[in-house]
Amino acid sequence: MRVILALLVAATPAWADAPAETFHKNQFGLSLRFGIGARGIATYDNTVYCGTADPKAQYGNASVCSGRTPIAIDLEPSYGITSSIELTLELRIGIERDFGGSPGVDGPRPLHIAPGARFFFSESGRSKLFVQPELLFDFEDFKSASGVDRGNDFGFRGLEGFWLDLHHSYGIYFYVAESAEFSRWFLGTFEGGVGFQGRYP
């Protein structure tokens, strides 16, 4: 990771003239990020299919399922109310489909929004750490095997990571994230990835 950061810094023509403490404040931002994650799902009802079949179970469905999360991208507008606090609104759009209502059936693509705030700390020049708590509203259109809509879900999400501002108007970051949802079933995820943010003015 140090080599990657060194190359990115070297590829930047020059640091912005503005002091680092003015970065983010009163700036509108747009972030694009990509991560890879794993998840576990525990159902409240053993008739519900959560992505794994179990021939030994009463209804043929595993009560606990684990695996990789579907591939998705996150778009995130933001606004810096101070140099160390940004208001954020994450939009996750699925590229890969999730599991369907029964084995072998394609399911919906991930879709959620997550309003929150990003807090920077331990700043050192253009680098800093951050935490980002969010509320999570999941609109992924899961259906049962008979086609009944399972409804929306809600929960909490948090990101933590390392941020590097390459310029007054853009930066990159590396993060890990955790989330938990409670309505359809209990779902927990863990992911890691990289993002890029552009800001104006």
Foldseek 3Di string as FASTA:
>chain_A
DVVVVVVLLVPQPDAAPDFLQQFQAQKKKKKKWWKKKKKKWAAPDQCFADPDFDPVDPNRHDRMDIDIDATWMKIKIWHRNGSFKIKIKIWIWFPAFDDAQDPPDTFFGWTKIWTWMKGWDPDDGQKTKIKIKTKIKTPGFHAHPVGHTLDIKIWIKMKIWMKGASYSFKTKIKIKMWIWIPRRTTMIMIIIIMMMMGIDD
